[in-house]
Amino acid sequence: MPLYLVSYDLMAPGKDYKDLWAALRAVNAVRVLESEWFLRRVNTSPLNLANHFLQYMDQNDKILVTEVPDNYAYKNLLADPTKI
């Protein structure tokens, strides 16, 4: 099952993005860094995922979704990506 990285910059300081975080959790995404989440999904694409999460963001917020290759490195993440 493909692994995707969702990374974003939220441009409204102090704004509550609970709906975005709930949408990420609803697809079993796991926060691995402050503004980066890993998730596994089938039958989708980075563009489809980005468009889905954009509905929970402001127009000036930024998002990057990419499929992660099998040979990535990590250290000191908030969650273990091998458990996703």
PDB file of N, CA and C in Angstrom:
ATOM      1  N   MET A   1       0.859  -1.168   0.000  1.00  0.00           N
ATOM      2  CA  MET A   1       0.000   0.000   0.000  1.00  0.00           C
ATOM      3  C   MET A   1       0.910   1.236   0.000  1.00  0.00           C
ATOM      4  N   PRO A   2       0.681   2.179  -0.897  1.00  0.00           N
ATOM      5  CA  PRO A   2       1.548   3.359  -0.986  1.00  0.00           C
ATOM      6  C   PRO A   2       1.528   4.204   0.290  1.00  0.00           C
ATOM      7  N   LEU A   3       2.682   4.766   0.578  1.00  0.00           N
ATOM      8  CA  LEU A   3       2.843   5.679   1.703  1.00  0.00           C
ATOM      9  C   LEU A   3       2.906   7.091   1.156  1.00  0.00           C
ATOM     10  N   TYR A   4       2.118   8.000   1.720  1.00  0.00           N
ATOM     11  CA  TYR A   4       2.080   9.395   1.292  1.00  0.00           C
ATOM     12  C   TYR A   4       2.514  10.302   2.433  1.00  0.00           C
ATOM     13  N   LEU A   5       3.180  11.365   2.068  1.00  0.00           N
ATOM     14  CA  LEU A   5       3.546  12.418   3.004  1.00  0.00           C
ATOM     15  C   LEU A   5       2.699  13.637   2.691  1.00  0.00           C
ATOM     16  N   VAL A   6       2.001  14.133   3.698  1.00  0.00           N
ATOM     17  CA  VAL A   6       1.230  15.369   3.589  1.00  0.00           C
ATOM     18  C   VAL A   6       1.968  16.414   4.409  1.00  0.00           C
ATOM     19  N   SER A   7       2.366  17.480   3.753  1.00  0.00           N
ATOM     20  CA  SER A   7       3.108  18.557   4.399  1.00  0.00           C
ATOM     21  C   SER A   7       2.389  19.868   4.103  1.00  0.00           C
ATOM     22  N   TYR A   8       2.307  20.742   5.096  1.00  0.00           N
ATOM     23  CA  TYR A   8       1.575  21.986   4.876  1.00  0.00           C
ATOM     24  C   TYR A   8       2.187  23.133   5.652  1.00  0.00           C
ATOM     25  N   ASP A   9       1.896  24.334   5.187  1.00  0.00           N
ATOM     26  CA  ASP A   9       2.166  25.576   5.906  1.00  0.00           C
ATOM     27  C   ASP A   9       0.822  26.253   6.112  1.00  0.00           C
ATOM     28  N   LEU A  10       0.466  26.463   7.352  1.00  0.00           N
ATOM     29  CA  LEU A  10      -0.787  27.132   7.694  1.00  0.00           C
ATOM     30  C   LEU A  10      -0.460  28.587   7.986  1.00  0.00           C
ATOM     31  N   MET A  11      -1.027  29.481   7.212  1.00  0.00           N
ATOM     32  CA  MET A  11      -0.582  30.867   7.198  1.00  0.00           C
ATOM     33  C   MET A  11      -1.301  31.780   8.192  1.00  0.00           C
ATOM     34  N   ALA A  12      -2.327  31.306   8.855  1.00  0.00           N
ATOM     35  CA  ALA A  12      -3.065  32.132   9.815  1.00  0.00           C
ATOM     36  C   ALA A  12      -2.573  31.818  11.225  1.00  0.00           C
ATOM     37  N   PRO A  13      -1.693  32.636  11.783  1.00  0.00           N
ATOM     38  CA  PRO A  13      -1.176  32.369  13.125  1.00  0.00           C
ATOM     39  C   PRO A  13      -2.306  32.309  14.154  1.00  0.00           C
ATOM     40  N   GLY A  14      -2.251  31.306  14.997  1.00  0.00           N
ATOM     41  CA  GLY A  14      -3.232  31.195  16.066  1.00  0.00           C
ATOM     42  C   GLY A  14      -4.571  30.633  15.647  1.00  0.00           C
ATOM     43  N   LYS A  15      -4.773  30.357  14.357  1.00  0.00           N
ATOM     44  CA  LYS A  15      -6.053  29.825  13.906  1.00  0.00           C
ATOM     45  C   LYS A  15      -6.172  28.361  14.321  1.00  0.00           C
ATOM     46  N   ASP A  16      -7.371  27.947  14.596  1.00  0.00           N
ATOM     47  CA  ASP A  16      -7.652  26.578  14.984  1.00  0.00           C
ATOM     48  C   ASP A  16      -7.911  25.737  13.727  1.00  0.00           C
ATOM     49  N   TYR A  17      -7.101  24.758  13.497  1.00  0.00           N
ATOM     50  CA  TYR A  17      -7.238  23.886  12.327  1.00  0.00           C
ATOM     51  C   TYR A  17      -7.730  22.501  12.729  1.00  0.00           C
ATOM     52  N   LYS A  18      -8.607  22.431  13.726  1.00  0.00           N
ATOM     53  CA  LYS A  18      -9.104  21.141  14.199  1.00  0.00           C
ATOM     54  C   LYS A  18      -9.764  20.322  13.093  1.00  0.00           C
ATOM     55  N   ASP A  19     -10.468  20.980  12.169  1.00  0.00           N
ATOM     56  CA  ASP A  19     -11.135  20.244  11.092  1.00  0.00           C
ATOM     57  C   ASP A  19     -10.124  19.574  10.164  1.00  0.00           C
ATOM     58  N   LEU A  20      -9.020  20.262   9.870  1.00  0.00           N
ATOM     59  CA  LEU A  20      -7.972  19.662   9.046  1.00  0.00           C
ATOM     60  C   LEU A  20      -7.375  18.461   9.747  1.00  0.00           C
ATOM     61  N   TRP A  21      -7.035  18.609  11.006  1.00  0.00           N
ATOM     62  CA  TRP A  21      -6.425  17.506  11.750  1.00  0.00           C
ATOM     63  C   TRP A  21      -7.399  16.341  11.896  1.00  0.00           C
ATOM     64  N   ALA A  22      -8.671  16.631  12.061  1.00  0.00           N
ATOM     65  CA  ALA A  22      -9.675  15.568  12.134  1.00  0.00           C
ATOM     66  C   ALA A  22      -9.792  14.842  10.789  1.00  0.00           C
ATOM     67  N   ALA A  23      -9.710  15.581   9.700  1.00  0.00           N
ATOM     68  CA  ALA A  23      -9.768  14.964   8.366  1.00  0.00           C
ATOM     69  C   ALA A  23      -8.555  14.072   8.134  1.00  0.00           C
ATOM     70  N   LEU A  24      -7.402  14.495   8.600  1.00  0.00           N
ATOM     71  CA  LEU A  24      -6.209  13.665   8.482  1.00  0.00           C
ATOM     72  C   LEU A  24      -6.345  12.392   9.321  1.00  0.00           C
ATOM     73  N   ARG A  25      -6.814  12.536  10.537  1.00  0.00           N
ATOM     74  CA  ARG A  25      -6.992  11.357  11.398  1.00  0.00           C
ATOM     75  C   ARG A  25      -8.059  10.419  10.843  1.00  0.00           C
ATOM     76  N   ALA A  26      -9.068  10.984  10.161  1.00  0.00           N
ATOM     77  CA  ALA A  26     -10.154  10.168   9.607  1.00  0.00           C
ATOM     78  C   ALA A  26      -9.652   9.198   8.541  1.00  0.00           C
ATOM     79  N   VAL A  27      -8.521   9.514   7.910  1.00  0.00           N
ATOM     80  CA  VAL A  27      -7.935   8.596   6.924  1.00  0.00           C
ATOM     81  C   VAL A  27      -6.724   7.875   7.519  1.00  0.00           C
ATOM     82  N   ASN A  28      -6.681   7.845   8.847  1.00  0.00           N
ATOM     83  CA  ASN A  28      -5.622   7.152   9.592  1.00  0.00           C
ATOM     84  C   ASN A  28      -4.233   7.735   9.362  1.00  0.00           C
ATOM     85  N   ALA A  29      -4.169   9.017   9.063  1.00  0.00           N
ATOM     86  CA  ALA A  29      -2.866   9.680   8.954  1.00  0.00           C
ATOM     87  C   ALA A  29      -2.268   9.820  10.350  1.00  0.00           C
ATOM     88  N   VAL A  30      -0.941   9.816  10.385  1.00  0.00           N
ATOM     89  CA  VAL A  30      -0.213   9.928  11.650  1.00  0.00           C
ATOM     90  C   VAL A  30       0.753  11.097  11.538  1.00  0.00           C
ATOM     91  N   ARG A  31       0.691  11.979  12.525  1.00  0.00           N
ATOM     92  CA  ARG A  31       1.592  13.139  12.536  1.00  0.00           C
ATOM     93  C   ARG A  31       2.999  12.655  12.876  1.00  0.00           C
ATOM     94  N   VAL A  32       3.949  12.965  11.984  1.00  0.00           N
ATOM     95  CA  VAL A  32       5.335  12.565  12.214  1.00  0.00           C
ATOM     96  C   VAL A  32       6.245  13.756  12.509  1.00  0.00           C
ATOM     97  N   LEU A  33       5.859  14.931  12.070  1.00  0.00           N
ATOM     98  CA  LEU A  33       6.522  16.190  12.408  1.00  0.00           C
ATOM     99  C   LEU A  33       5.422  17.223  12.625  1.00  0.00           C
ATOM    100  N   GLU A  34       5.776  18.389  13.066  1.00  0.00           N
ATOM    101  CA  GLU A  34       4.767  19.399  13.411  1.00  0.00           C
ATOM    102  C   GLU A  34       3.748  19.628  12.290  1.00  0.00           C
ATOM    103  N   SER A  35       4.204  19.725  11.055  1.00  0.00           N
ATOM    104  CA  SER A  35       3.304  19.990   9.929  1.00  0.00           C
ATOM    105  C   SER A  35       3.400  18.923   8.850  1.00  0.00           C
ATOM    106  N   GLU A  36       3.727  17.701   9.258  1.00  0.00           N
ATOM    107  CA  GLU A  36       3.851  16.619   8.291  1.00  0.00           C
ATOM    108  C   GLU A  36       3.216  15.346   8.840  1.00  0.00           C
ATOM    109  N   TRP A  37       2.459  14.712   7.981  1.00  0.00           N
ATOM    110  CA  TRP A  37       1.733  13.502   8.341  1.00  0.00           C
ATOM    111  C   TRP A  37       2.011  12.424   7.309  1.00  0.00           C
ATOM    112  N   PHE A  38       2.064  11.172   7.748  1.00  0.00           N
ATOM    113  CA  PHE A  38       2.155  10.022   6.861  1.00  0.00           C
ATOM    114  C   PHE A  38       0.796   9.332   6.842  1.00  0.00           C
ATOM    115  N   LEU A  39       0.435   8.799   5.682  1.00  0.00           N
ATOM    116  CA  LEU A  39      -0.761   7.979   5.587  1.00  0.00           C
ATOM    117  C   LEU A  39      -0.590   6.974   4.461  1.00  0.00           C
ATOM    118  N   ARG A  40      -1.302   5.884   4.578  1.00  0.00           N
ATOM    119  CA  ARG A  40      -1.308   4.853   3.535  1.00  0.00           C
ATOM    120  C   ARG A  40      -2.709   4.803   2.936  1.00  0.00           C
ATOM    121  N   ARG A  41      -2.748   4.815   1.605  1.00  0.00           N
ATOM    122  CA  ARG A  41      -4.037   4.756   0.897  1.00  0.00           C
ATOM    123  C   ARG A  41      -3.849   4.013  -0.414  1.00  0.00           C
ATOM    124  N   VAL A  42      -4.885   3.339  -0.845  1.00  0.00           N
ATOM    125  CA  VAL A  42      -4.898   2.718  -2.165  1.00  0.00           C
ATOM    126  C   VAL A  42      -5.892   3.473  -3.039  1.00  0.00           C
ATOM    127  N   ASN A  43      -5.758   3.311  -4.322  1.00  0.00           N
ATOM    128  CA  ASN A  43      -6.691   3.895  -5.296  1.00  0.00           C
ATOM    129  C   ASN A  43      -6.832   5.396  -5.166  1.00  0.00           C
ATOM    130  N   THR A  44      -5.711   6.088  -4.988  1.00  0.00           N
ATOM    131  CA  THR A  44      -5.736   7.541  -4.933  1.00  0.00           C
ATOM    132  C   THR A  44      -4.442   8.069  -5.531  1.00  0.00           C
ATOM    133  N   SER A  45      -4.275   9.372  -5.464  1.00  0.00           N
ATOM    134  CA  SER A  45      -3.057  10.010  -5.978  1.00  0.00           C
ATOM    135  C   SER A  45      -2.716  11.186  -5.072  1.00  0.00           C
ATOM    136  N   PRO A  46      -1.502  11.697  -5.169  1.00  0.00           N
ATOM    137  CA  PRO A  46      -1.166  12.887  -4.394  1.00  0.00           C
ATOM    138  C   PRO A  46      -2.126  14.057  -4.679  1.00  0.00           C
ATOM    139  N   LEU A  47      -2.484  14.236  -5.948  1.00  0.00           N
ATOM    140  CA  LEU A  47      -3.396  15.333  -6.292  1.00  0.00           C
ATOM    141  C   LEU A  47      -4.763  15.157  -5.640  1.00  0.00           C
ATOM    142  N   ASN A  48      -5.302  13.941  -5.673  1.00  0.00           N
ATOM    143  CA  ASN A  48      -6.602  13.698  -5.031  1.00  0.00           C
ATOM    144  C   ASN A  48      -6.543  13.969  -3.529  1.00  0.00           C
ATOM    145  N   LEU A  49      -5.467  13.539  -2.892  1.00  0.00           N
ATOM    146  CA  LEU A  49      -5.331  13.778  -1.458  1.00  0.00           C
ATOM    147  C   LEU A  49      -5.205  15.273  -1.164  1.00  0.00           C
ATOM    148  N   ALA A  50      -4.387  15.976  -1.929  1.00  0.00           N
ATOM    149  CA  ALA A  50      -4.235  17.422  -1.720  1.00  0.00           C
ATOM    150  C   ALA A  50      -5.580  18.126  -1.878  1.00  0.00           C
ATOM    151  N   ASN A  51      -6.311  17.788  -2.923  1.00  0.00           N
ATOM    152  CA  ASN A  51      -7.618  18.420  -3.135  1.00  0.00           C
ATOM    153  C   ASN A  51      -8.582  18.112  -1.999  1.00  0.00           C
ATOM    154  N   HIS A  52      -8.523  16.914  -1.469  1.00  0.00           N
ATOM    155  CA  HIS A  52      -9.392  16.553  -0.344  1.00  0.00           C
ATOM    156  C   HIS A  52      -9.080  17.431   0.878  1.00  0.00           C
ATOM    157  N   PHE A  53      -7.808  17.558   1.223  1.00  0.00           N
ATOM    158  CA  PHE A  53      -7.447  18.305   2.430  1.00  0.00           C
ATOM    159  C   PHE A  53      -7.563  19.810   2.246  1.00  0.00           C
ATOM    160  N   LEU A  54      -7.488  20.297   1.016  1.00  0.00           N
ATOM    161  CA  LEU A  54      -7.616  21.744   0.771  1.00  0.00           C
ATOM    162  C   LEU A  54      -8.941  22.301   1.262  1.00  0.00           C
ATOM    163  N   GLN A  55      -9.983  21.485   1.284  1.00  0.00           N
ATOM    164  CA  GLN A  55     -11.288  21.984   1.728  1.00  0.00           C
ATOM    165  C   GLN A  55     -11.300  22.361   3.215  1.00  0.00           C
ATOM    166  N   TYR A  56     -10.302  21.916   3.960  1.00  0.00           N
ATOM    167  CA  TYR A  56     -10.202  22.222   5.384  1.00  0.00           C
ATOM    168  C   TYR A  56      -9.176  23.320   5.666  1.00  0.00           C
ATOM    169  N   MET A  57      -8.666  23.946   4.602  1.00  0.00           N
ATOM    170  CA  MET A  57      -7.600  24.931   4.737  1.00  0.00           C
ATOM    171  C   MET A  57      -8.053  26.271   4.168  1.00  0.00           C
ATOM    172  N   ASP A  58      -7.338  27.322   4.531  1.00  0.00           N
ATOM    173  CA  ASP A  58      -7.605  28.644   3.968  1.00  0.00           C
ATOM    174  C   ASP A  58      -6.962  28.763   2.594  1.00  0.00           C
ATOM    175  N   GLN A  59      -7.421  29.733   1.803  1.00  0.00           N
ATOM    176  CA  GLN A  59      -6.906  29.904   0.443  1.00  0.00           C
ATOM    177  C   GLN A  59      -5.410  30.192   0.398  1.00  0.00           C
ATOM    178  N   ASN A  60      -4.875  30.853   1.405  1.00  0.00           N
ATOM    179  CA  ASN A  60      -3.456  31.201   1.372  1.00  0.00           C
ATOM    180  C   ASN A  60      -2.564  30.144   2.035  1.00  0.00           C
ATOM    181  N   ASP A  61      -3.156  29.066   2.579  1.00  0.00           N
ATOM    182  CA  ASP A  61      -2.367  27.976   3.136  1.00  0.00           C
ATOM    183  C   ASP A  61      -1.713  27.190   1.994  1.00  0.00           C
ATOM    184  N   LYS A  62      -0.675  26.456   2.332  1.00  0.00           N
ATOM    185  CA  LYS A  62       0.072  25.704   1.335  1.00  0.00           C
ATOM    186  C   LYS A  62       0.084  24.227   1.704  1.00  0.00           C
ATOM    187  N   ILE A  63       0.060  23.367   0.666  1.00  0.00           N
ATOM    188  CA  ILE A  63       0.072  21.926   0.903  1.00  0.00           C
ATOM    189  C   ILE A  63       0.929  21.229  -0.154  1.00  0.00           C
ATOM    190  N   LEU A  64       1.624  20.196   0.288  1.00  0.00           N
ATOM    191  CA  LEU A  64       2.411  19.338  -0.596  1.00  0.00           C
ATOM    192  C   LEU A  64       2.092  17.899  -0.214  1.00  0.00           C
ATOM    193  N   VAL A  65       1.687  17.104  -1.190  1.00  0.00           N
ATOM    194  CA  VAL A  65       1.446  15.682  -0.965  1.00  0.00           C
ATOM    195  C   VAL A  65       2.311  14.926  -1.964  1.00  0.00           C
ATOM    196  N   THR A  66       3.055  13.979  -1.465  1.00  0.00           N
ATOM    197  CA  THR A  66       3.927  13.193  -2.325  1.00  0.00           C
ATOM    198  C   THR A  66       3.911  11.738  -1.895  1.00  0.00           C
ATOM    199  N   GLU A  67       4.098  10.855  -2.855  1.00  0.00           N
ATOM    200  CA  GLU A  67       4.245   9.441  -2.531  1.00  0.00           C
ATOM    201  C   GLU A  67       5.684   9.209  -2.085  1.00  0.00           C
ATOM    202  N   VAL A  68       5.851   8.528  -0.982  1.00  0.00           N
ATOM    203  CA  VAL A  68       7.166   8.320  -0.381  1.00  0.00           C
ATOM    204  C   VAL A  68       7.751   7.002  -0.896  1.00  0.00           C
ATOM    205  N   PRO A  69       8.994   7.022  -1.375  1.00  0.00           N
ATOM    206  CA  PRO A  69       9.619   5.766  -1.810  1.00  0.00           C
ATOM    207  C   PRO A  69       9.932   4.883  -0.607  1.00  0.00           C
ATOM    208  N   ASP A  70      10.235   3.639  -0.873  1.00  0.00           N
ATOM    209  CA  ASP A  70      10.528   2.689   0.200  1.00  0.00           C
ATOM    210  C   ASP A  70      11.837   2.981   0.924  1.00  0.00           C
ATOM    211  N   ASN A  71      12.729   3.720   0.323  1.00  0.00           N
ATOM    212  CA  ASN A  71      14.058   3.930   0.915  1.00  0.00           C
ATOM    213  C   ASN A  71      14.207   5.354   1.462  1.00  0.00           C
ATOM    214  N   TYR A  72      13.458   5.682   2.464  1.00  0.00           N
ATOM    215  CA  TYR A  72      13.557   6.992   3.104  1.00  0.00           C
ATOM    216  C   TYR A  72      14.252   6.834   4.459  1.00  0.00           C
ATOM    217  N   ALA A  73      14.744   7.934   4.976  1.00  0.00           N
ATOM    218  CA  ALA A  73      15.413   7.916   6.278  1.00  0.00           C
ATOM    219  C   ALA A  73      14.676   8.847   7.235  1.00  0.00           C
ATOM    220  N   TYR A  74      14.779   8.558   8.520  1.00  0.00           N
ATOM    221  CA  TYR A  74      14.139   9.410   9.519  1.00  0.00           C
ATOM    222  C   TYR A  74      14.861   9.268  10.849  1.00  0.00           C
ATOM    223  N   LYS A  75      14.637  10.236  11.699  1.00  0.00           N
ATOM    224  CA  LYS A  75      15.194  10.201  13.053  1.00  0.00           C
ATOM    225  C   LYS A  75      14.357  11.126  13.939  1.00  0.00           C
ATOM    226  N   ASN A  76      14.044  10.669  15.114  1.00  0.00           N
ATOM    227  CA  ASN A  76      13.354  11.465  16.133  1.00  0.00           C
ATOM    228  C   ASN A  76      11.998  12.006  15.665  1.00  0.00           C
ATOM    229  N   LEU A  77      11.220  11.192  14.990  1.00  0.00           N
ATOM    230  CA  LEU A  77       9.881  11.612  14.585  1.00  0.00           C
ATOM    231  C   LEU A  77       8.911  11.482  15.755  1.00  0.00           C
ATOM    232  N   LEU A  78       7.767  12.103  15.629  1.00  0.00           N
ATOM    233  CA  LEU A  78       6.729  12.017  16.657  1.00  0.00           C
ATOM    234  C   LEU A  78       6.081  10.630  16.701  1.00  0.00           C
ATOM    235  N   ALA A  79       6.122   9.920  15.560  1.00  0.00           N
ATOM    236  CA  ALA A  79       5.561   8.570  15.491  1.00  0.00           C
ATOM    237  C   ALA A  79       6.482   7.728  14.610  1.00  0.00           C
ATOM    238  N   ASP A  80       6.438   6.436  14.818  1.00  0.00           N
ATOM    239  CA  ASP A  80       7.262   5.511  14.046  1.00  0.00           C
ATOM    240  C   ASP A  80       6.573   5.230  12.717  1.00  0.00           C
ATOM    241  N   PRO A  81       7.151   5.656  11.601  1.00  0.00           N
ATOM    242  CA  PRO A  81       6.489   5.457  10.304  1.00  0.00           C
ATOM    243  C   PRO A  81       6.366   3.985   9.904  1.00  0.00           C
ATOM    244  N   THR A  82       7.138   3.112  10.488  1.00  0.00           N
ATOM    245  CA  THR A  82       7.010   1.694  10.154  1.00  0.00           C
ATOM    246  C   THR A  82       5.733   1.088  10.734  1.00  0.00           C
ATOM    247  N   LYS A  83       5.072   1.798  11.629  1.00  0.00           N
ATOM    248  CA  LYS A  83       3.830   1.319  12.258  1.00  0.00           C
ATOM    249  C   LYS A  83       2.589   1.829  11.533  1.00  0.00           C
ATOM    250  N   ILE A  84       2.778   2.572  10.464  1.00  0.00           N
ATOM    251  CA  ILE A  84       1.642   3.177   9.755  1.00  0.00           C
ATOM    252  C   ILE A  84       1.128   2.217   8.715  1.00  0.00           C
TER     253      ILE A  84
END
